Structure formats: C-alpha cells, structure tokens
Amino acid sequence: MRLETKQKLLESAKELFSKKGYYETKISDIVEKSGVAQGTFYLYFKSKEEIFLQLVKALHEDLLEKLGKYLNTDLDYQTAIKSLVKDFLTEVYLNKEIAEIFFTHLFGLNEDFKKFYIKKISDIQNLLLNILNNYFPEEKSQLLSTIILGFIRQIFFNCLTSKNFDLELMVSKAEKGIDIIFNGVNQEV
C-alpha cells in the first residue's frame, strides 16, 4: 500500500509538472490529484523539490540503463553513436515535460539543484566518453563526447522551444550532425 501511494504521488506530480510547470505546481495540487491527505505527502517527500528530484532520478537511471548497452557493442562507432543518440532523444521526448524542466529551469533554482544538474549531465557525458574510448584515444574521446553532448542538448532545446517539437525531426537532425562530426563539414553526408 505504501509503495502504491508513493507511486500515485509521483505520477500525479509528473502529470502536474508537465501541465502546469514546476513553479506553478503546488504540493496541494499533487495531493489533490493523488487523492491523499496533505500529511501523507510528507510521509514520502520533504518538499516539492524532493518529489521532482525523484522524477528526474528515475528518468536518469532509466536513460543510463538503456544507453549502457552501447558500452559493449559490435557496431561501428558511427552507428553506435547514432543509435545511442536516437535512444537518448526518444527517451527524453517521451518524458519531454520533465526533461524540459531539468534542462531549462533546474540549473538556476538553487545551489543543490545546480550540483544535481551538473552531476546528471556529467554521468551522461561519462557514459558517452566510455563508449567512445572503445574506438578512439582518450583525448579525442573527451573532445568528441563534449561536442556530441552539447550538440544533442542544443537540438533538444531548439525543438523544445519551437512549435515543431517532433521526435523524427530531432533524430534526423541528430543523425546528420553526427555524420558531420565524424566525417567533417566538407564530406558528402
């Protein structure tokens, strides 16, 4: 029963954060949507910030688990990175509201959120770095991981802020960009 109540609170919070945004969602909204008493919320979470962090942590863990399969793959590096990027964008797209809050609002909220944000982005970059280390020397892998992660974050941000937030469009742009990153600007892509 306790796990069911906690899950209900998390699902309600996710839906409300998605519809109303982080700042406009109140704890009273979450408990009302969940159908539990206000005090019940505090049995599971200390604050709105904590429930939001739980949602981001769950998304992040799922993402790292899904992308981890590319650490040991027989794919060539370009195919592996394109597949990883597609999986990353798909997961972020499916959770776009939480991802939007994470990528756009979280950094400026407070020092703890800033550290949390940096750690989560660093985890993704380290995974990408470890994958690239299978194909390239360390120095080149570090540079490539920074370029690829920055590029992907920008594609997500551009699609998020435009009226054309479409998964296929994001993946298509990402694949073309990965081709340019690995083959160079002057190559036929």
N, C-alpha and C. Protein backbone atom coordinates (compact mmCIF):
# COMPACT_ATOMS: atom_id res chain seq x y z
N MET A 1 0.83 -1.20 0.00
CA MET A 1 0.00 0.00 0.00
C MET A 1 0.87 1.26 0.00
N ARG A 2 1.96 1.26 0.80
CA ARG A 2 2.82 2.44 0.87
C ARG A 2 3.47 2.73 -0.48
N LEU A 3 3.95 1.68 -1.13
CA LEU A 3 4.59 1.85 -2.43
C LEU A 3 3.57 2.36 -3.45
N GLU A 4 2.35 1.85 -3.38
CA GLU A 4 1.30 2.29 -4.28
C GLU A 4 0.98 3.78 -4.09
N THR A 5 0.93 4.22 -2.84
CA THR A 5 0.65 5.63 -2.55
C THR A 5 1.79 6.51 -3.04
N LYS A 6 3.02 6.09 -2.81
CA LYS A 6 4.17 6.87 -3.27
C LYS A 6 4.16 6.97 -4.79
N GLN A 7 3.87 5.86 -5.46
CA GLN A 7 3.82 5.86 -6.92
C GLN A 7 2.71 6.78 -7.43
N LYS A 8 1.58 6.78 -6.75
CA LYS A 8 0.46 7.64 -7.12
C LYS A 8 0.87 9.11 -7.00
N LEU A 9 1.59 9.44 -5.93
CA LEU A 9 2.08 10.81 -5.75
C LEU A 9 3.06 11.19 -6.86
N LEU A 10 3.96 10.27 -7.19
CA LEU A 10 4.94 10.54 -8.26
C LEU A 10 4.25 10.74 -9.61
N GLU A 11 3.30 9.90 -9.92
CA GLU A 11 2.59 10.01 -11.20
C GLU A 11 1.79 11.32 -11.27
N SER A 12 1.15 11.66 -10.16
CA SER A 12 0.38 12.92 -10.12
C SER A 12 1.31 14.11 -10.28
N ALA A 13 2.44 14.07 -9.59
CA ALA A 13 3.41 15.17 -9.68
C ALA A 13 3.93 15.30 -11.11
N LYS A 14 4.26 14.19 -11.73
CA LYS A 14 4.77 14.22 -13.11
C LYS A 14 3.74 14.85 -14.05
N GLU A 15 2.50 14.43 -13.91
CA GLU A 15 1.45 14.98 -14.76
C GLU A 15 1.26 16.47 -14.52
N LEU A 16 1.26 16.88 -13.27
CA LEU A 16 1.06 18.30 -12.95
C LEU A 16 2.26 19.14 -13.36
N PHE A 17 3.47 18.66 -13.12
CA PHE A 17 4.65 19.40 -13.56
C PHE A 17 4.61 19.56 -15.07
N SER A 18 4.14 18.52 -15.76
CA SER A 18 4.06 18.56 -17.22
C SER A 18 3.05 19.58 -17.71
N LYS A 19 1.91 19.64 -17.04
CA LYS A 19 0.84 20.54 -17.48
C LYS A 19 1.03 21.97 -16.99
N LYS A 20 1.38 22.12 -15.73
CA LYS A 20 1.42 23.45 -15.11
C LYS A 20 2.82 24.03 -15.01
N GLY A 21 3.83 23.18 -15.11
CA GLY A 21 5.19 23.63 -14.91
C GLY A 21 5.61 23.44 -13.46
N TYR A 22 6.88 23.56 -13.24
CA TYR A 22 7.43 23.34 -11.90
C TYR A 22 6.95 24.40 -10.91
N TYR A 23 7.07 25.65 -11.29
CA TYR A 23 6.78 26.75 -10.37
C TYR A 23 5.30 26.86 -10.02
N GLU A 24 4.44 26.53 -10.97
CA GLU A 24 3.00 26.69 -10.76
C GLU A 24 2.37 25.51 -10.02
N THR A 25 3.08 24.39 -9.96
CA THR A 25 2.54 23.22 -9.27
C THR A 25 2.79 23.35 -7.77
N LYS A 26 1.75 23.13 -7.02
CA LYS A 26 1.85 23.21 -5.56
C LYS A 26 1.68 21.80 -4.97
N ILE A 27 2.19 21.61 -3.78
CA ILE A 27 2.01 20.32 -3.11
C ILE A 27 0.53 20.01 -2.96
N SER A 28 -0.26 21.02 -2.66
CA SER A 28 -1.71 20.81 -2.51
C SER A 28 -2.32 20.29 -3.81
N ASP A 29 -1.80 20.71 -4.97
CA ASP A 29 -2.27 20.20 -6.26
C ASP A 29 -1.94 18.71 -6.39
N ILE A 30 -0.73 18.36 -5.98
CA ILE A 30 -0.27 16.97 -6.11
C ILE A 30 -1.11 16.04 -5.24
N VAL A 31 -1.34 16.44 -3.98
CA VAL A 31 -2.12 15.57 -3.09
C VAL A 31 -3.58 15.49 -3.53
N GLU A 32 -4.12 16.60 -4.03
CA GLU A 32 -5.50 16.58 -4.51
C GLU A 32 -5.63 15.62 -5.69
N LYS A 33 -4.71 15.72 -6.63
CA LYS A 33 -4.74 14.84 -7.81
C LYS A 33 -4.55 13.38 -7.40
N SER A 34 -3.74 13.14 -6.38
CA SER A 34 -3.46 11.78 -5.91
C SER A 34 -4.59 11.20 -5.07
N GLY A 35 -5.41 12.09 -4.53
CA GLY A 35 -6.50 11.63 -3.68
C GLY A 35 -6.04 11.21 -2.30
N VAL A 36 -4.97 11.83 -1.83
CA VAL A 36 -4.47 11.54 -0.48
C VAL A 36 -4.47 12.81 0.35
N ALA A 37 -4.33 12.66 1.64
CA ALA A 37 -4.29 13.81 2.54
C ALA A 37 -2.94 14.51 2.43
N GLN A 38 -2.93 15.81 2.71
CA GLN A 38 -1.72 16.62 2.64
C GLN A 38 -0.58 16.01 3.48
N GLY A 39 -0.92 15.55 4.66
CA GLY A 39 0.10 14.96 5.53
C GLY A 39 0.73 13.71 4.96
N THR A 40 -0.02 12.99 4.14
CA THR A 40 0.51 11.77 3.52
C THR A 40 1.69 12.08 2.60
N PHE A 41 1.61 13.22 1.93
CA PHE A 41 2.71 13.64 1.06
C PHE A 41 4.02 13.64 1.83
N TYR A 42 3.98 14.18 3.04
CA TYR A 42 5.20 14.36 3.83
C TYR A 42 5.71 13.06 4.44
N LEU A 43 4.94 12.00 4.35
CA LEU A 43 5.45 10.68 4.75
C LEU A 43 6.47 10.17 3.73
N TYR A 44 6.34 10.64 2.49
CA TYR A 44 7.18 10.16 1.40
C TYR A 44 8.19 11.18 0.90
N PHE A 45 7.85 12.46 0.98
CA PHE A 45 8.70 13.51 0.43
C PHE A 45 8.74 14.71 1.38
N LYS A 46 9.89 15.35 1.46
CA LYS A 46 10.04 16.52 2.33
C LYS A 46 9.49 17.78 1.68
N SER A 47 9.50 17.80 0.33
CA SER A 47 9.16 19.04 -0.37
C SER A 47 8.80 18.75 -1.83
N LYS A 48 8.36 19.77 -2.50
CA LYS A 48 8.09 19.69 -3.94
C LYS A 48 9.41 19.42 -4.68
N GLU A 49 10.48 20.03 -4.20
CA GLU A 49 11.79 19.83 -4.83
C GLU A 49 12.18 18.36 -4.78
N GLU A 50 11.93 17.73 -3.64
CA GLU A 50 12.33 16.33 -3.48
C GLU A 50 11.55 15.41 -4.42
N ILE A 51 10.25 15.63 -4.56
CA ILE A 51 9.47 14.77 -5.45
C ILE A 51 9.91 14.99 -6.90
N PHE A 52 10.23 16.24 -7.25
CA PHE A 52 10.72 16.49 -8.60
C PHE A 52 12.06 15.79 -8.83
N LEU A 53 12.94 15.87 -7.85
CA LEU A 53 14.24 15.19 -7.97
C LEU A 53 14.06 13.69 -8.13
N GLN A 54 13.09 13.12 -7.44
CA GLN A 54 12.81 11.68 -7.59
C GLN A 54 12.42 11.36 -9.03
N LEU A 55 11.61 12.21 -9.63
CA LEU A 55 11.21 12.00 -11.02
C LEU A 55 12.41 12.09 -11.96
N VAL A 56 13.26 13.07 -11.74
CA VAL A 56 14.45 13.23 -12.59
C VAL A 56 15.40 12.06 -12.39
N LYS A 57 15.59 11.64 -11.15
CA LYS A 57 16.48 10.50 -10.88
C LYS A 57 15.99 9.24 -11.59
N ALA A 58 14.69 9.00 -11.55
CA ALA A 58 14.12 7.82 -12.20
C ALA A 58 14.34 7.89 -13.71
N LEU A 59 14.10 9.04 -14.31
CA LEU A 59 14.34 9.23 -15.74
C LEU A 59 15.81 9.02 -16.06
N HIS A 60 16.67 9.59 -15.25
CA HIS A 60 18.11 9.49 -15.47
C HIS A 60 18.60 8.03 -15.37
N GLU A 61 18.13 7.31 -14.36
CA GLU A 61 18.52 5.91 -14.21
C GLU A 61 18.05 5.07 -15.38
N ASP A 62 16.82 5.29 -15.82
CA ASP A 62 16.31 4.57 -17.00
C ASP A 62 17.15 4.88 -18.23
N LEU A 63 17.49 6.13 -18.38
CA LEU A 63 18.29 6.57 -19.52
C LEU A 63 19.67 5.91 -19.52
N LEU A 64 20.35 5.94 -18.39
CA LEU A 64 21.68 5.34 -18.31
C LEU A 64 21.62 3.83 -18.54
N GLU A 65 20.58 3.19 -18.03
CA GLU A 65 20.43 1.75 -18.24
C GLU A 65 20.23 1.44 -19.72
N LYS A 66 19.38 2.21 -20.39
CA LYS A 66 19.12 1.97 -21.82
C LYS A 66 20.35 2.26 -22.67
N LEU A 67 21.09 3.31 -22.32
CA LEU A 67 22.25 3.68 -23.12
C LEU A 67 23.47 2.83 -22.81
N GLY A 68 23.47 2.20 -21.66
CA GLY A 68 24.60 1.37 -21.25
C GLY A 68 24.88 0.21 -22.19
N LYS A 69 23.88 -0.20 -22.94
CA LYS A 69 24.07 -1.32 -23.87
C LYS A 69 25.10 -1.00 -24.95
N TYR A 70 25.39 0.28 -25.15
CA TYR A 70 26.36 0.66 -26.18
C TYR A 70 27.81 0.60 -25.70
N LEU A 71 28.01 0.29 -24.42
CA LEU A 71 29.37 0.14 -23.90
C LEU A 71 30.07 -1.06 -24.53
N ASN A 72 29.34 -2.11 -24.76
CA ASN A 72 29.89 -3.33 -25.35
C ASN A 72 29.03 -3.71 -26.54
N THR A 73 29.41 -3.20 -27.68
CA THR A 73 28.64 -3.47 -28.89
C THR A 73 29.59 -3.78 -30.04
N ASP A 74 29.09 -4.51 -30.99
CA ASP A 74 29.87 -4.83 -32.19
C ASP A 74 29.65 -3.82 -33.31
N LEU A 75 28.84 -2.81 -33.04
CA LEU A 75 28.55 -1.79 -34.05
C LEU A 75 29.78 -0.92 -34.30
N ASP A 76 29.90 -0.40 -35.52
CA ASP A 76 30.96 0.57 -35.78
C ASP A 76 30.61 1.84 -34.99
N TYR A 77 31.61 2.71 -34.75
CA TYR A 77 31.41 3.85 -33.85
C TYR A 77 30.30 4.80 -34.32
N GLN A 78 30.21 5.04 -35.60
CA GLN A 78 29.21 5.98 -36.09
C GLN A 78 27.80 5.43 -35.89
N THR A 79 27.61 4.18 -36.19
CA THR A 79 26.30 3.54 -35.99
C THR A 79 25.96 3.48 -34.50
N ALA A 80 26.94 3.13 -33.68
CA ALA A 80 26.72 3.05 -32.23
C ALA A 80 26.30 4.40 -31.67
N ILE A 81 26.99 5.47 -32.05
CA ILE A 81 26.68 6.80 -31.52
C ILE A 81 25.33 7.28 -32.06
N LYS A 82 25.05 7.03 -33.33
CA LYS A 82 23.74 7.41 -33.87
C LYS A 82 22.62 6.68 -33.14
N SER A 83 22.81 5.41 -32.88
CA SER A 83 21.80 4.62 -32.17
C SER A 83 21.64 5.11 -30.74
N LEU A 84 22.74 5.40 -30.08
CA LEU A 84 22.69 5.94 -28.72
C LEU A 84 21.94 7.27 -28.69
N VAL A 85 22.26 8.14 -29.62
CA VAL A 85 21.63 9.45 -29.68
C VAL A 85 20.13 9.30 -29.96
N LYS A 86 19.78 8.40 -30.85
CA LYS A 86 18.36 8.16 -31.13
C LYS A 86 17.64 7.67 -29.88
N ASP A 87 18.24 6.74 -29.16
CA ASP A 87 17.64 6.24 -27.92
C ASP A 87 17.53 7.35 -26.87
N PHE A 88 18.57 8.17 -26.77
CA PHE A 88 18.56 9.28 -25.83
C PHE A 88 17.42 10.25 -26.15
N LEU A 89 17.35 10.67 -27.40
CA LEU A 89 16.31 11.62 -27.80
C LEU A 89 14.91 11.04 -27.66
N THR A 90 14.77 9.76 -27.93
CA THR A 90 13.46 9.11 -27.78
C THR A 90 13.03 9.14 -26.32
N GLU A 91 13.93 8.76 -25.43
CA GLU A 91 13.60 8.74 -24.00
C GLU A 91 13.28 10.14 -23.49
N VAL A 92 14.08 11.10 -23.90
CA VAL A 92 13.85 12.48 -23.48
C VAL A 92 12.52 12.99 -24.06
N TYR A 93 12.25 12.63 -25.30
CA TYR A 93 11.00 13.05 -25.93
C TYR A 93 9.79 12.47 -25.19
N LEU A 94 9.87 11.21 -24.83
CA LEU A 94 8.76 10.56 -24.13
C LEU A 94 8.52 11.17 -22.74
N ASN A 95 9.55 11.81 -22.21
CA ASN A 95 9.45 12.47 -20.90
C ASN A 95 9.78 13.95 -21.05
N LYS A 96 9.33 14.54 -22.15
CA LYS A 96 9.75 15.89 -22.51
C LYS A 96 9.43 16.96 -21.49
N GLU A 97 8.33 16.82 -20.80
CA GLU A 97 7.98 17.86 -19.83
C GLU A 97 8.96 17.88 -18.66
N ILE A 98 9.27 16.70 -18.13
CA ILE A 98 10.25 16.62 -17.04
C ILE A 98 11.63 17.00 -17.57
N ALA A 99 11.96 16.54 -18.76
CA ALA A 99 13.25 16.89 -19.36
C ALA A 99 13.37 18.39 -19.59
N GLU A 100 12.28 19.01 -20.01
CA GLU A 100 12.31 20.46 -20.22
C GLU A 100 12.61 21.19 -18.91
N ILE A 101 11.94 20.79 -17.86
CA ILE A 101 12.19 21.43 -16.56
C ILE A 101 13.64 21.20 -16.16
N PHE A 102 14.12 19.97 -16.34
CA PHE A 102 15.50 19.65 -15.99
C PHE A 102 16.49 20.49 -16.79
N PHE A 103 16.32 20.54 -18.11
CA PHE A 103 17.29 21.22 -18.96
C PHE A 103 17.18 22.74 -18.92
N THR A 104 16.01 23.28 -18.58
CA THR A 104 15.86 24.73 -18.66
C THR A 104 15.68 25.44 -17.33
N HIS A 105 15.05 24.81 -16.34
CA HIS A 105 14.74 25.51 -15.09
C HIS A 105 15.62 25.09 -13.91
N LEU A 106 16.04 23.85 -13.91
CA LEU A 106 16.69 23.28 -12.74
C LEU A 106 18.00 23.97 -12.40
N PHE A 107 18.77 24.31 -13.40
CA PHE A 107 20.11 24.86 -13.17
C PHE A 107 20.09 26.11 -12.32
N GLY A 108 19.11 26.97 -12.52
CA GLY A 108 19.08 28.24 -11.80
C GLY A 108 18.27 28.22 -10.52
N LEU A 109 17.74 27.08 -10.11
CA LEU A 109 16.85 27.03 -8.96
C LEU A 109 17.57 27.30 -7.64
N ASN A 110 18.62 26.56 -7.37
CA ASN A 110 19.45 26.80 -6.19
C ASN A 110 20.73 26.01 -6.33
N GLU A 111 21.64 26.15 -5.40
CA GLU A 111 22.95 25.53 -5.50
C GLU A 111 22.87 23.99 -5.51
N ASP A 112 21.97 23.43 -4.70
CA ASP A 112 21.82 21.97 -4.68
C ASP A 112 21.33 21.44 -6.01
N PHE A 113 20.36 22.13 -6.62
CA PHE A 113 19.87 21.73 -7.93
C PHE A 113 20.97 21.89 -8.99
N LYS A 114 21.75 22.93 -8.86
CA LYS A 114 22.84 23.14 -9.82
C LYS A 114 23.83 21.98 -9.76
N LYS A 115 24.19 21.56 -8.56
CA LYS A 115 25.11 20.42 -8.39
C LYS A 115 24.48 19.15 -8.94
N PHE A 116 23.20 18.96 -8.66
CA PHE A 116 22.47 17.79 -9.15
C PHE A 116 22.48 17.78 -10.68
N TYR A 117 22.18 18.91 -11.29
CA TYR A 117 22.15 19.05 -12.74
C TYR A 117 23.52 18.70 -13.33
N ILE A 118 24.55 19.28 -12.78
CA ILE A 118 25.91 19.05 -13.29
C ILE A 118 26.28 17.58 -13.18
N LYS A 119 25.91 16.94 -12.07
CA LYS A 119 26.21 15.52 -11.86
C LYS A 119 25.49 14.66 -12.89
N LYS A 120 24.24 14.92 -13.14
CA LYS A 120 23.47 14.10 -14.09
C LYS A 120 23.99 14.27 -15.52
N ILE A 121 24.31 15.49 -15.91
CA ILE A 121 24.88 15.72 -17.25
C ILE A 121 26.25 15.06 -17.34
N SER A 122 27.02 15.14 -16.28
CA SER A 122 28.34 14.51 -16.24
C SER A 122 28.23 12.99 -16.38
N ASP A 123 27.23 12.39 -15.74
CA ASP A 123 27.03 10.94 -15.87
C ASP A 123 26.80 10.54 -17.31
N ILE A 124 25.99 11.31 -18.02
CA ILE A 124 25.70 11.00 -19.42
C ILE A 124 26.96 11.19 -20.26
N GLN A 125 27.69 12.28 -20.00
CA GLN A 125 28.92 12.51 -20.76
C GLN A 125 29.95 11.41 -20.49
N ASN A 126 30.05 10.97 -19.25
CA ASN A 126 31.00 9.90 -18.93
C ASN A 126 30.63 8.59 -19.62
N LEU A 127 29.35 8.29 -19.70
CA LEU A 127 28.92 7.10 -20.43
C LEU A 127 29.31 7.22 -21.90
N LEU A 128 29.03 8.37 -22.48
CA LEU A 128 29.40 8.62 -23.88
C LEU A 128 30.92 8.52 -24.06
N LEU A 129 31.66 9.09 -23.13
CA LEU A 129 33.13 9.02 -23.17
C LEU A 129 33.61 7.58 -23.12
N ASN A 130 33.06 6.78 -22.24
CA ASN A 130 33.47 5.38 -22.13
C ASN A 130 33.17 4.60 -23.40
N ILE A 131 32.06 4.91 -24.04
CA ILE A 131 31.73 4.26 -25.31
C ILE A 131 32.74 4.68 -26.39
N LEU A 132 33.00 5.98 -26.46
CA LEU A 132 33.95 6.48 -27.47
C LEU A 132 35.37 5.96 -27.23
N ASN A 133 35.72 5.71 -25.97
CA ASN A 133 37.04 5.16 -25.66
C ASN A 133 37.27 3.79 -26.28
N ASN A 134 36.18 3.09 -26.63
CA ASN A 134 36.31 1.81 -27.31
C ASN A 134 36.81 1.97 -28.74
N TYR A 135 36.71 3.19 -29.27
CA TYR A 135 37.04 3.43 -30.67
C TYR A 135 38.18 4.42 -30.89
N PHE A 136 38.37 5.33 -29.93
CA PHE A 136 39.32 6.44 -30.11
C PHE A 136 40.23 6.57 -28.90
N PRO A 137 41.36 7.26 -29.09
CA PRO A 137 42.21 7.56 -27.93
C PRO A 137 41.47 8.49 -26.95
N GLU A 138 41.87 8.47 -25.70
CA GLU A 138 41.21 9.22 -24.61
C GLU A 138 41.00 10.70 -24.95
N GLU A 139 42.02 11.37 -25.42
CA GLU A 139 41.91 12.81 -25.68
C GLU A 139 40.86 13.11 -26.74
N LYS A 140 40.86 12.33 -27.80
CA LYS A 140 39.87 12.52 -28.86
C LYS A 140 38.47 12.18 -28.35
N SER A 141 38.37 11.13 -27.55
CA SER A 141 37.07 10.73 -26.98
C SER A 141 36.49 11.82 -26.09
N GLN A 142 37.35 12.46 -25.30
CA GLN A 142 36.88 13.54 -24.44
C GLN A 142 36.30 14.69 -25.26
N LEU A 143 37.02 15.07 -26.28
CA LEU A 143 36.55 16.16 -27.14
C LEU A 143 35.26 15.77 -27.86
N LEU A 144 35.21 14.57 -28.41
CA LEU A 144 34.01 14.12 -29.12
C LEU A 144 32.80 14.03 -28.18
N SER A 145 33.00 13.54 -26.97
CA SER A 145 31.87 13.43 -26.04
C SER A 145 31.30 14.80 -25.71
N THR A 146 32.17 15.80 -25.56
CA THR A 146 31.71 17.16 -25.29
C THR A 146 30.94 17.74 -26.47
N ILE A 147 31.49 17.55 -27.65
CA ILE A 147 30.85 18.05 -28.87
C ILE A 147 29.49 17.39 -29.08
N ILE A 148 29.44 16.07 -28.97
CA ILE A 148 28.20 15.33 -29.23
C ILE A 148 27.14 15.68 -28.19
N LEU A 149 27.50 15.70 -26.92
CA LEU A 149 26.52 16.02 -25.89
C LEU A 149 26.00 17.44 -26.03
N GLY A 150 26.88 18.38 -26.29
CA GLY A 150 26.45 19.77 -26.49
C GLY A 150 25.53 19.91 -27.69
N PHE A 151 25.88 19.22 -28.76
CA PHE A 151 25.07 19.25 -29.98
C PHE A 151 23.68 18.68 -29.73
N ILE A 152 23.61 17.55 -29.05
CA ILE A 152 22.33 16.90 -28.79
C ILE A 152 21.46 17.74 -27.86
N ARG A 153 22.06 18.31 -26.83
CA ARG A 153 21.31 19.18 -25.92
C ARG A 153 20.75 20.37 -26.68
N GLN A 154 21.51 20.92 -27.61
CA GLN A 154 21.04 22.07 -28.37
C GLN A 154 19.90 21.69 -29.32
N ILE A 155 20.00 20.53 -29.95
CA ILE A 155 18.90 20.07 -30.80
C ILE A 155 17.63 19.93 -29.98
N PHE A 156 17.74 19.29 -28.82
CA PHE A 156 16.58 19.13 -27.94
C PHE A 156 16.02 20.49 -27.56
N PHE A 157 16.88 21.40 -27.16
CA PHE A 157 16.45 22.73 -26.75
C PHE A 157 15.77 23.48 -27.89
N ASN A 158 16.36 23.43 -29.09
CA ASN A 158 15.76 24.11 -30.24
C ASN A 158 14.38 23.55 -30.57
N CYS A 159 14.26 22.24 -30.54
CA CYS A 159 12.96 21.62 -30.84
C CYS A 159 11.95 21.92 -29.73
N LEU A 160 12.42 21.96 -28.52
CA LEU A 160 11.56 22.24 -27.37
C LEU A 160 10.98 23.64 -27.43
N THR A 161 11.80 24.60 -27.86
CA THR A 161 11.37 26.00 -27.87
C THR A 161 10.67 26.40 -29.16
N SER A 162 10.66 25.50 -30.13
CA SER A 162 9.96 25.82 -31.39
C SER A 162 8.58 25.15 -31.38
N LYS A 163 7.81 25.48 -32.33
CA LYS A 163 6.49 24.87 -32.47
C LYS A 163 6.59 23.48 -33.09
N ASN A 164 7.77 23.12 -33.58
CA ASN A 164 7.96 21.87 -34.31
C ASN A 164 8.72 20.86 -33.47
N PHE A 165 8.16 20.47 -32.33
CA PHE A 165 8.81 19.52 -31.43
C PHE A 165 8.42 18.11 -31.84
N ASP A 166 9.18 17.56 -32.75
CA ASP A 166 8.86 16.28 -33.36
C ASP A 166 10.06 15.34 -33.21
N LEU A 167 9.82 14.13 -32.73
CA LEU A 167 10.89 13.16 -32.50
C LEU A 167 11.64 12.84 -33.78
N GLU A 168 10.92 12.57 -34.84
CA GLU A 168 11.59 12.21 -36.10
C GLU A 168 12.49 13.34 -36.60
N LEU A 169 12.04 14.58 -36.45
CA LEU A 169 12.84 15.72 -36.86
C LEU A 169 14.12 15.82 -36.02
N MET A 170 13.97 15.64 -34.71
CA MET A 170 15.15 15.69 -33.83
C MET A 170 16.15 14.60 -34.20
N VAL A 171 15.67 13.39 -34.41
CA VAL A 171 16.55 12.27 -34.73
C VAL A 171 17.23 12.50 -36.08
N SER A 172 16.48 12.99 -37.05
CA SER A 172 17.04 13.28 -38.37
C SER A 172 18.17 14.32 -38.29
N LYS A 173 17.90 15.40 -37.56
CA LYS A 173 18.93 16.44 -37.38
C LYS A 173 20.14 15.87 -36.66
N ALA A 174 19.89 15.06 -35.65
CA ALA A 174 20.99 14.47 -34.88
C ALA A 174 21.84 13.56 -35.75
N GLU A 175 21.21 12.73 -36.57
CA GLU A 175 21.97 11.83 -37.43
C GLU A 175 22.83 12.60 -38.43
N LYS A 176 22.28 13.65 -39.01
CA LYS A 176 23.05 14.47 -39.95
C LYS A 176 24.22 15.14 -39.23
N GLY A 177 23.97 15.62 -38.03
CA GLY A 177 25.04 16.24 -37.25
C GLY A 177 26.13 15.26 -36.87
N ILE A 178 25.75 14.05 -36.50
CA ILE A 178 26.74 13.02 -36.16
C ILE A 178 27.59 12.71 -37.38
N ASP A 179 26.96 12.63 -38.56
CA ASP A 179 27.73 12.43 -39.79
C ASP A 179 28.76 13.54 -39.98
N ILE A 180 28.35 14.78 -39.76
CA ILE A 180 29.28 15.91 -39.91
C ILE A 180 30.38 15.84 -38.86
N ILE A 181 30.03 15.52 -37.64
CA ILE A 181 31.04 15.42 -36.58
C ILE A 181 32.09 14.38 -36.94
N PHE A 182 31.68 13.23 -37.42
CA PHE A 182 32.63 12.17 -37.71
C PHE A 182 33.26 12.26 -39.10
N ASN A 183 32.56 12.82 -40.07
CA ASN A 183 33.08 12.85 -41.44
C ASN A 183 33.61 14.21 -41.86
N GLY A 184 33.28 15.23 -41.10
CA GLY A 184 33.75 16.56 -41.45
C GLY A 184 32.72 17.33 -42.27
N VAL A 185 32.84 18.62 -42.22
CA VAL A 185 31.89 19.52 -42.89
C VAL A 185 31.97 19.38 -44.40
N ASN A 186 33.13 19.18 -44.94
CA ASN A 186 33.28 19.18 -46.39
C ASN A 186 33.01 17.82 -47.03
N GLN A 187 32.75 16.81 -46.21
CA GLN A 187 32.44 15.50 -46.76
C GLN A 187 30.99 15.47 -47.23
N GLU A 188 30.72 14.64 -48.18
CA GLU A 188 29.35 14.40 -48.62
C GLU A 188 28.64 13.60 -47.54
N VAL A 189 27.53 14.14 -46.99
CA VAL A 189 26.82 13.42 -45.92
C VAL A 189 25.45 12.99 -46.36
